[in-house]
Amino acid sequence: MRYEYKPEGVCSKQFIIELDDKNETIVSVKIIGGCPGNTVGVSKLCEGKKVDEVIKLLKGIPCGFRDTSCPDQLARALEQIKENNK
């Protein structure tokens, strides 16, 4: 299933997240905007991972002086997807 998320408080503008049919495993992540090397790297590292594992790894990561980051926003997006699909 494909989801779109608008992150807040970071440089990236949009996340396009594709999960398997059970919404348990990340098939792909595309981060539009942000630091290209970092966002592509995060996206590739998430592919094939369980949603809960990625949330646990990325939630709470700050970026510089900000309380959030693109990885943290990705964790928040995945949490929102889980909540909306209960």
PDB file of N, CA and C in Angstrom:
ATOM      1  N   MET A   1       0.835  -1.167   0.000  1.00  0.00           N
ATOM      2  CA  MET A   1       0.000   0.000   0.000  1.00  0.00           C
ATOM      3  C   MET A   1       0.889   1.243   0.000  1.00  0.00           C
ATOM      4  N   ARG A   2       0.426   2.257  -0.641  1.00  0.00           N
ATOM      5  CA  ARG A   2       1.198   3.488  -0.807  1.00  0.00           C
ATOM      6  C   ARG A   2       0.613   4.583   0.070  1.00  0.00           C
ATOM      7  N   TYR A   3       1.503   5.287   0.765  1.00  0.00           N
ATOM      8  CA  TYR A   3       1.095   6.369   1.653  1.00  0.00           C
ATOM      9  C   TYR A   3       1.946   7.596   1.363  1.00  0.00           C
ATOM     10  N   GLU A   4       1.344   8.773   1.551  1.00  0.00           N
ATOM     11  CA  GLU A   4       2.072  10.023   1.432  1.00  0.00           C
ATOM     12  C   GLU A   4       1.986  10.755   2.763  1.00  0.00           C
ATOM     13  N   TYR A   5       3.084  11.385   3.142  1.00  0.00           N
ATOM     14  CA  TYR A   5       3.162  12.078   4.433  1.00  0.00           C
ATOM     15  C   TYR A   5       3.897  13.386   4.224  1.00  0.00           C
ATOM     16  N   LYS A   6       3.365  14.452   4.815  1.00  0.00           N
ATOM     17  CA  LYS A   6       4.021  15.761   4.761  1.00  0.00           C
ATOM     18  C   LYS A   6       4.738  15.991   6.085  1.00  0.00           C
ATOM     19  N   PRO A   7       6.075  15.909   6.088  1.00  0.00           N
ATOM     20  CA  PRO A   7       6.833  16.089   7.330  1.00  0.00           C
ATOM     21  C   PRO A   7       6.792  17.539   7.808  1.00  0.00           C
ATOM     22  N   GLU A   8       7.024  17.713   9.111  1.00  0.00           N
ATOM     23  CA  GLU A   8       7.025  19.050   9.713  1.00  0.00           C
ATOM     24  C   GLU A   8       8.354  19.317  10.396  1.00  0.00           C
ATOM     25  N   GLY A   9       8.847  20.555  10.255  1.00  0.00           N
ATOM     26  CA  GLY A   9      10.037  20.984  10.974  1.00  0.00           C
ATOM     27  C   GLY A   9      11.354  20.509  10.388  1.00  0.00           C
ATOM     28  N   VAL A  10      11.327  20.015   9.144  1.00  0.00           N
ATOM     29  CA  VAL A  10      12.541  19.534   8.488  1.00  0.00           C
ATOM     30  C   VAL A  10      12.606  20.086   7.066  1.00  0.00           C
ATOM     31  N   CYS A  11      13.718  19.862   6.402  1.00  0.00           N
ATOM     32  CA  CYS A  11      13.916  20.376   5.046  1.00  0.00           C
ATOM     33  C   CYS A  11      13.135  19.591   3.992  1.00  0.00           C
ATOM     34  N   SER A  12      12.918  18.309   4.232  1.00  0.00           N
ATOM     35  CA  SER A  12      12.200  17.503   3.246  1.00  0.00           C
ATOM     36  C   SER A  12      10.745  17.958   3.163  1.00  0.00           C
ATOM     37  N   LYS A  13      10.139  17.748   2.005  1.00  0.00           N
ATOM     38  CA  LYS A  13       8.789  18.250   1.730  1.00  0.00           C
ATOM     39  C   LYS A  13       7.719  17.162   1.730  1.00  0.00           C
ATOM     40  N   GLN A  14       8.119  15.933   1.398  1.00  0.00           N
ATOM     41  CA  GLN A  14       7.127  14.869   1.289  1.00  0.00           C
ATOM     42  C   GLN A  14       7.805  13.507   1.387  1.00  0.00           C
ATOM     43  N   PHE A  15       7.110  12.553   2.000  1.00  0.00           N
ATOM     44  CA  PHE A  15       7.546  11.157   2.025  1.00  0.00           C
ATOM     45  C   PHE A  15       6.516  10.343   1.260  1.00  0.00           C
ATOM     46  N   ILE A  16       7.000   9.463   0.426  1.00  0.00           N
ATOM     47  CA  ILE A  16       6.139   8.495  -0.246  1.00  0.00           C
ATOM     48  C   ILE A  16       6.598   7.132   0.250  1.00  0.00           C
ATOM     49  N   ILE A  17       5.727   6.477   0.983  1.00  0.00           N
ATOM     50  CA  ILE A  17       6.057   5.224   1.659  1.00  0.00           C
ATOM     51  C   ILE A  17       5.211   4.107   1.083  1.00  0.00           C
ATOM     52  N   GLU A  18       5.861   3.026   0.685  1.00  0.00           N
ATOM     53  CA  GLU A  18       5.136   1.855   0.198  1.00  0.00           C
ATOM     54  C   GLU A  18       5.386   0.705   1.157  1.00  0.00           C
ATOM     55  N   LEU A  19       4.289   0.133   1.671  1.00  0.00           N
ATOM     56  CA  LEU A  19       4.355  -1.002   2.576  1.00  0.00           C
ATOM     57  C   LEU A  19       3.775  -2.241   1.907  1.00  0.00           C
ATOM     58  N   ASP A  20       4.101  -3.413   2.444  1.00  0.00           N
ATOM     59  CA  ASP A  20       3.532  -4.652   1.924  1.00  0.00           C
ATOM     60  C   ASP A  20       2.026  -4.677   2.201  1.00  0.00           C
ATOM     61  N   ASP A  21       1.354  -5.697   1.713  1.00  0.00           N
ATOM     62  CA  ASP A  21      -0.102  -5.786   1.832  1.00  0.00           C
ATOM     63  C   ASP A  21      -0.590  -5.842   3.274  1.00  0.00           C
ATOM     64  N   LYS A  22       0.243  -6.298   4.184  1.00  0.00           N
ATOM     65  CA  LYS A  22      -0.136  -6.389   5.593  1.00  0.00           C
ATOM     66  C   LYS A  22       0.265  -5.146   6.389  1.00  0.00           C
ATOM     67  N   ASN A  23       0.892  -4.169   5.724  1.00  0.00           N
ATOM     68  CA  ASN A  23       1.393  -2.947   6.364  1.00  0.00           C
ATOM     69  C   ASN A  23       2.397  -3.244   7.470  1.00  0.00           C
ATOM     70  N   GLU A  24       3.176  -4.307   7.304  1.00  0.00           N
ATOM     71  CA  GLU A  24       4.170  -4.696   8.300  1.00  0.00           C
ATOM     72  C   GLU A  24       5.606  -4.448   7.856  1.00  0.00           C
ATOM     73  N   THR A  25       5.851  -4.482   6.550  1.00  0.00           N
ATOM     74  CA  THR A  25       7.210  -4.381   6.008  1.00  0.00           C
ATOM     75  C   THR A  25       7.287  -3.235   5.010  1.00  0.00           C
ATOM     76  N   ILE A  26       8.395  -2.485   5.081  1.00  0.00           N
ATOM     77  CA  ILE A  26       8.606  -1.365   4.160  1.00  0.00           C
ATOM     78  C   ILE A  26       9.137  -1.890   2.838  1.00  0.00           C
ATOM     79  N   VAL A  27       8.441  -1.570   1.769  1.00  0.00           N
ATOM     80  CA  VAL A  27       8.869  -1.940   0.427  1.00  0.00           C
ATOM     81  C   VAL A  27       9.798  -0.857  -0.119  1.00  0.00           C
ATOM     82  N   SER A  28       9.391   0.406   0.043  1.00  0.00           N
ATOM     83  CA  SER A  28      10.233   1.510  -0.419  1.00  0.00           C
ATOM     84  C   SER A  28       9.855   2.796   0.301  1.00  0.00           C
ATOM     85  N   VAL A  29      10.815   3.712   0.334  1.00  0.00           N
ATOM     86  CA  VAL A  29      10.598   5.054   0.882  1.00  0.00           C
ATOM     87  C   VAL A  29      11.249   6.032  -0.079  1.00  0.00           C
ATOM     88  N   LYS A  30      10.514   7.060  -0.472  1.00  0.00           N
ATOM     89  CA  LYS A  30      11.078   8.136  -1.278  1.00  0.00           C
ATOM     90  C   LYS A  30      10.886   9.422  -0.488  1.00  0.00           C
ATOM     91  N   ILE A  31      11.987  10.097  -0.216  1.00  0.00           N
ATOM     92  CA  ILE A  31      11.949  11.356   0.523  1.00  0.00           C
ATOM     93  C   ILE A  31      12.253  12.476  -0.462  1.00  0.00           C
ATOM     94  N   ILE A  32      11.298  13.373  -0.606  1.00  0.00           N
ATOM     95  CA  ILE A  32      11.444  14.479  -1.542  1.00  0.00           C
ATOM     96  C   ILE A  32      11.938  15.699  -0.766  1.00  0.00           C
ATOM     97  N   GLY A  33      13.070  16.244  -1.207  1.00  0.00           N
ATOM     98  CA  GLY A  33      13.695  17.362  -0.515  1.00  0.00           C
ATOM     99  C   GLY A  33      14.644  16.846   0.549  1.00  0.00           C
ATOM    100  N   GLY A  34      15.229  17.743   1.287  1.00  0.00           N
ATOM    101  CA  GLY A  34      16.178  17.350   2.330  1.00  0.00           C
ATOM    102  C   GLY A  34      17.568  17.143   1.773  1.00  0.00           C
ATOM    103  N   CYS A  35      18.458  16.605   2.583  1.00  0.00           N
ATOM    104  CA  CYS A  35      19.847  16.342   2.205  1.00  0.00           C
ATOM    105  C   CYS A  35      19.894  15.068   1.361  1.00  0.00           C
ATOM    106  N   PRO A  36      20.179  15.171   0.074  1.00  0.00           N
ATOM    107  CA  PRO A  36      20.049  14.032  -0.832  1.00  0.00           C
ATOM    108  C   PRO A  36      20.775  12.760  -0.397  1.00  0.00           C
ATOM    109  N   GLY A  37      22.010  12.854  -0.008  1.00  0.00           N
ATOM    110  CA  GLY A  37      22.745  11.652   0.382  1.00  0.00           C
ATOM    111  C   GLY A  37      22.141  10.986   1.602  1.00  0.00           C
ATOM    112  N   ASN A  38      21.792  11.794   2.582  1.00  0.00           N
ATOM    113  CA  ASN A  38      21.218  11.250   3.809  1.00  0.00           C
ATOM    114  C   ASN A  38      19.839  10.645   3.576  1.00  0.00           C
ATOM    115  N   THR A  39      18.994  11.345   2.833  1.00  0.00           N
ATOM    116  CA  THR A  39      17.629  10.844   2.641  1.00  0.00           C
ATOM    117  C   THR A  39      17.609   9.587   1.779  1.00  0.00           C
ATOM    118  N   VAL A  40      18.453   9.518   0.780  1.00  0.00           N
ATOM    119  CA  VAL A  40      18.539   8.305  -0.037  1.00  0.00           C
ATOM    120  C   VAL A  40      19.088   7.164   0.813  1.00  0.00           C
ATOM    121  N   GLY A  41      20.081   7.451   1.625  1.00  0.00           N
ATOM    122  CA  GLY A  41      20.649   6.432   2.500  1.00  0.00           C
ATOM    123  C   GLY A  41      19.630   5.884   3.479  1.00  0.00           C
ATOM    124  N   VAL A  42      18.888   6.776   4.134  1.00  0.00           N
ATOM    125  CA  VAL A  42      17.849   6.341   5.074  1.00  0.00           C
ATOM    126  C   VAL A  42      16.819   5.494   4.336  1.00  0.00           C
ATOM    127  N   SER A  43      16.418   5.936   3.166  1.00  0.00           N
ATOM    128  CA  SER A  43      15.420   5.195   2.386  1.00  0.00           C
ATOM    129  C   SER A  43      15.892   3.780   2.082  1.00  0.00           C
ATOM    130  N   LYS A  44      17.107   3.647   1.609  1.00  0.00           N
ATOM    131  CA  LYS A  44      17.651   2.323   1.257  1.00  0.00           C
ATOM    132  C   LYS A  44      17.788   1.427   2.483  1.00  0.00           C
ATOM    133  N   LEU A  45      18.192   1.998   3.610  1.00  0.00           N
ATOM    134  CA  LEU A  45      18.356   1.207   4.821  1.00  0.00           C
ATOM    135  C   LEU A  45      17.020   0.696   5.371  1.00  0.00           C
ATOM    136  N   CYS A  46      15.928   1.392   5.051  1.00  0.00           N
ATOM    137  CA  CYS A  46      14.603   0.999   5.547  1.00  0.00           C
ATOM    138  C   CYS A  46      13.951  -0.098   4.703  1.00  0.00           C
ATOM    139  N   GLU A  47      14.334  -0.209   3.455  1.00  0.00           N
ATOM    140  CA  GLU A  47      13.705  -1.190   2.556  1.00  0.00           C
ATOM    141  C   GLU A  47      13.871  -2.606   3.093  1.00  0.00           C
ATOM    142  N   GLY A  48      12.761  -3.329   3.154  1.00  0.00           N
ATOM    143  CA  GLY A  48      12.769  -4.707   3.612  1.00  0.00           C
ATOM    144  C   GLY A  48      12.692  -4.871   5.118  1.00  0.00           C
ATOM    145  N   LYS A  49      12.714  -3.764   5.855  1.00  0.00           N
ATOM    146  CA  LYS A  49      12.659  -3.809   7.314  1.00  0.00           C
ATOM    147  C   LYS A  49      11.203  -3.764   7.800  1.00  0.00           C
ATOM    148  N   LYS A  50      10.989  -4.299   8.979  1.00  0.00           N
ATOM    149  CA  LYS A  50       9.673  -4.240   9.618  1.00  0.00           C
ATOM    150  C   LYS A  50       9.404  -2.811  10.085  1.00  0.00           C
ATOM    151  N   VAL A  51       8.159  -2.379   9.964  1.00  0.00           N
ATOM    152  CA  VAL A  51       7.755  -1.034  10.354  1.00  0.00           C
ATOM    153  C   VAL A  51       8.139  -0.755  11.804  1.00  0.00           C
ATOM    154  N   ASP A  52       7.826  -1.679  12.713  1.00  0.00           N
ATOM    155  CA  ASP A  52       8.117  -1.468  14.131  1.00  0.00           C
ATOM    156  C   ASP A  52       9.616  -1.326  14.396  1.00  0.00           C
ATOM    157  N   GLU A  53      10.428  -2.064  13.660  1.00  0.00           N
ATOM    158  CA  GLU A  53      11.886  -1.981  13.819  1.00  0.00           C
ATOM    159  C   GLU A  53      12.393  -0.594  13.422  1.00  0.00           C
ATOM    160  N   VAL A  54      11.884  -0.076  12.310  1.00  0.00           N
ATOM    161  CA  VAL A  54      12.317   1.231  11.821  1.00  0.00           C
ATOM    162  C   VAL A  54      11.866   2.336  12.772  1.00  0.00           C
ATOM    163  N   ILE A  55      10.647   2.235  13.280  1.00  0.00           N
ATOM    164  CA  ILE A  55      10.164   3.223  14.253  1.00  0.00           C
ATOM    165  C   ILE A  55      11.104   3.248  15.456  1.00  0.00           C
ATOM    166  N   LYS A  56      11.432   2.078  15.974  1.00  0.00           N
ATOM    167  CA  LYS A  56      12.296   1.986  17.152  1.00  0.00           C
ATOM    168  C   LYS A  56      13.681   2.589  16.887  1.00  0.00           C
ATOM    169  N   LEU A  57      14.219   2.374  15.694  1.00  0.00           N
ATOM    170  CA  LEU A  57      15.546   2.871  15.360  1.00  0.00           C
ATOM    171  C   LEU A  57      15.597   4.384  15.123  1.00  0.00           C
ATOM    172  N   LEU A  58      14.554   4.942  14.510  1.00  0.00           N
ATOM    173  CA  LEU A  58      14.614   6.319  14.041  1.00  0.00           C
ATOM    174  C   LEU A  58      13.916   7.346  14.924  1.00  0.00           C
ATOM    175  N   LYS A  59      12.972   6.910  15.741  1.00  0.00           N
ATOM    176  CA  LYS A  59      12.189   7.857  16.537  1.00  0.00           C
ATOM    177  C   LYS A  59      13.080   8.619  17.524  1.00  0.00           C
ATOM    178  N   GLY A  60      12.920   9.941  17.512  1.00  0.00           N
ATOM    179  CA  GLY A  60      13.622  10.796  18.457  1.00  0.00           C
ATOM    180  C   GLY A  60      14.964  11.325  17.989  1.00  0.00           C
ATOM    181  N   ILE A  61      15.388  10.987  16.786  1.00  0.00           N
ATOM    182  CA  ILE A  61      16.673  11.494  16.285  1.00  0.00           C
ATOM    183  C   ILE A  61      16.518  12.979  15.937  1.00  0.00           C
ATOM    184  N   PRO A  62      17.357  13.850  16.517  1.00  0.00           N
ATOM    185  CA  PRO A  62      17.288  15.271  16.188  1.00  0.00           C
ATOM    186  C   PRO A  62      18.182  15.603  14.986  1.00  0.00           C
ATOM    187  N   CYS A  63      18.002  16.794  14.454  1.00  0.00           N
ATOM    188  CA  CYS A  63      18.865  17.291  13.377  1.00  0.00           C
ATOM    189  C   CYS A  63      19.386  18.654  13.809  1.00  0.00           C
ATOM    190  N   GLY A  64      20.651  18.705  14.156  1.00  0.00           N
ATOM    191  CA  GLY A  64      21.236  19.968  14.601  1.00  0.00           C
ATOM    192  C   GLY A  64      20.496  20.504  15.804  1.00  0.00           C
ATOM    193  N   PHE A  65      19.987  21.736  15.696  1.00  0.00           N
ATOM    194  CA  PHE A  65      19.270  22.393  16.789  1.00  0.00           C
ATOM    195  C   PHE A  65      17.792  22.029  16.826  1.00  0.00           C
ATOM    196  N   ARG A  66      17.319  21.274  15.841  1.00  0.00           N
ATOM    197  CA  ARG A  66      15.901  20.916  15.764  1.00  0.00           C
ATOM    198  C   ARG A  66      15.590  19.721  16.667  1.00  0.00           C
ATOM    199  N   ASP A  67      14.353  19.673  17.147  1.00  0.00           N
ATOM    200  CA  ASP A  67      13.907  18.547  17.971  1.00  0.00           C
ATOM    201  C   ASP A  67      13.541  17.334  17.134  1.00  0.00           C
ATOM    202  N   THR A  68      13.540  17.477  15.824  1.00  0.00           N
ATOM    203  CA  THR A  68      13.150  16.401  14.923  1.00  0.00           C
ATOM    204  C   THR A  68      14.141  16.334  13.771  1.00  0.00           C
ATOM    205  N   SER A  69      13.968  15.349  12.909  1.00  0.00           N
ATOM    206  CA  SER A  69      14.835  15.163  11.745  1.00  0.00           C
ATOM    207  C   SER A  69      14.038  14.393  10.704  1.00  0.00           C
ATOM    208  N   CYS A  70      14.603  14.229   9.529  1.00  0.00           N
ATOM    209  CA  CYS A  70      13.926  13.418   8.514  1.00  0.00           C
ATOM    210  C   CYS A  70      13.724  11.977   9.005  1.00  0.00           C
ATOM    211  N   PRO A  71      14.728  11.343   9.636  1.00  0.00           N
ATOM    212  CA  PRO A  71      14.486  10.005  10.165  1.00  0.00           C
ATOM    213  C   PRO A  71      13.381   9.981  11.231  1.00  0.00           C
ATOM    214  N   ASP A  72      13.382  10.964  12.129  1.00  0.00           N
ATOM    215  CA  ASP A  72      12.336  11.038  13.153  1.00  0.00           C
ATOM    216  C   ASP A  72      10.977  11.236  12.504  1.00  0.00           C
ATOM    217  N   GLN A  73      10.898  12.078  11.507  1.00  0.00           N
ATOM    218  CA  GLN A  73       9.634  12.305  10.816  1.00  0.00           C
ATOM    219  C   GLN A  73       9.164  11.036  10.100  1.00  0.00           C
ATOM    220  N   LEU A  74      10.094  10.258   9.576  1.00  0.00           N
ATOM    221  CA  LEU A  74       9.727   8.983   8.953  1.00  0.00           C
ATOM    222  C   LEU A  74       9.134   8.053  10.008  1.00  0.00           C
ATOM    223  N   ALA A  75       9.731   8.007  11.189  1.00  0.00           N
ATOM    224  CA  ALA A  75       9.183   7.189  12.278  1.00  0.00           C
ATOM    225  C   ALA A  75       7.778   7.664  12.636  1.00  0.00           C
ATOM    226  N   ARG A  76       7.568   8.963  12.691  1.00  0.00           N
ATOM    227  CA  ARG A  76       6.245   9.511  12.997  1.00  0.00           C
ATOM    228  C   ARG A  76       5.238   9.168  11.904  1.00  0.00           C
ATOM    229  N   ALA A  77       5.684   9.213  10.654  1.00  0.00           N
ATOM    230  CA  ALA A  77       4.801   8.840   9.546  1.00  0.00           C
ATOM    231  C   ALA A  77       4.374   7.379   9.676  1.00  0.00           C
ATOM    232  N   LEU A  78       5.321   6.513   9.986  1.00  0.00           N
ATOM    233  CA  LEU A  78       5.006   5.089  10.137  1.00  0.00           C
ATOM    234  C   LEU A  78       4.069   4.857  11.321  1.00  0.00           C
ATOM    235  N   GLU A  79       4.265   5.594  12.407  1.00  0.00           N
ATOM    236  CA  GLU A  79       3.347   5.488  13.547  1.00  0.00           C
ATOM    237  C   GLU A  79       1.937   5.908  13.148  1.00  0.00           C
ATOM    238  N   GLN A  80       1.850   6.977  12.377  1.00  0.00           N
ATOM    239  CA  GLN A  80       0.547   7.462  11.929  1.00  0.00           C
ATOM    240  C   GLN A  80      -0.135   6.427  11.027  1.00  0.00           C
ATOM    241  N   ILE A  81       0.622   5.824  10.149  1.00  0.00           N
ATOM    242  CA  ILE A  81       0.070   4.788   9.266  1.00  0.00           C
ATOM    243  C   ILE A  81      -0.464   3.639  10.115  1.00  0.00           C
ATOM    244  N   LYS A  82       0.322   3.197  11.097  1.00  0.00           N
ATOM    245  CA  LYS A  82      -0.120   2.106  11.981  1.00  0.00           C
ATOM    246  C   LYS A  82      -1.416   2.490  12.697  1.00  0.00           C
ATOM    247  N   GLU A  83      -1.468   3.693  13.235  1.00  0.00           N
ATOM    248  CA  GLU A  83      -2.637   4.146  13.977  1.00  0.00           C
ATOM    249  C   GLU A  83      -3.871   4.202  13.082  1.00  0.00           C
ATOM    250  N   ASN A  84      -3.712   4.692  11.866  1.00  0.00           N
ATOM    251  CA  ASN A  84      -4.839   4.824  10.937  1.00  0.00           C
ATOM    252  C   ASN A  84      -5.323   3.487  10.392  1.00  0.00           C
ATOM    253  N   ASN A  85      -4.513   2.445  10.522  1.00  0.00           N
ATOM    254  CA  ASN A  85      -4.882   1.139   9.969  1.00  0.00           C
ATOM    255  C   ASN A  85      -5.240   0.113  11.039  1.00  0.00           C
ATOM    256  N   LYS A  86      -5.551   0.585  12.241  1.00  0.00           N
ATOM    257  CA  LYS A  86      -5.963  -0.333  13.311  1.00  0.00           C
ATOM    258  C   LYS A  86      -7.336  -0.877  13.049  1.00  0.00           C
TER     259      LYS A  86
END
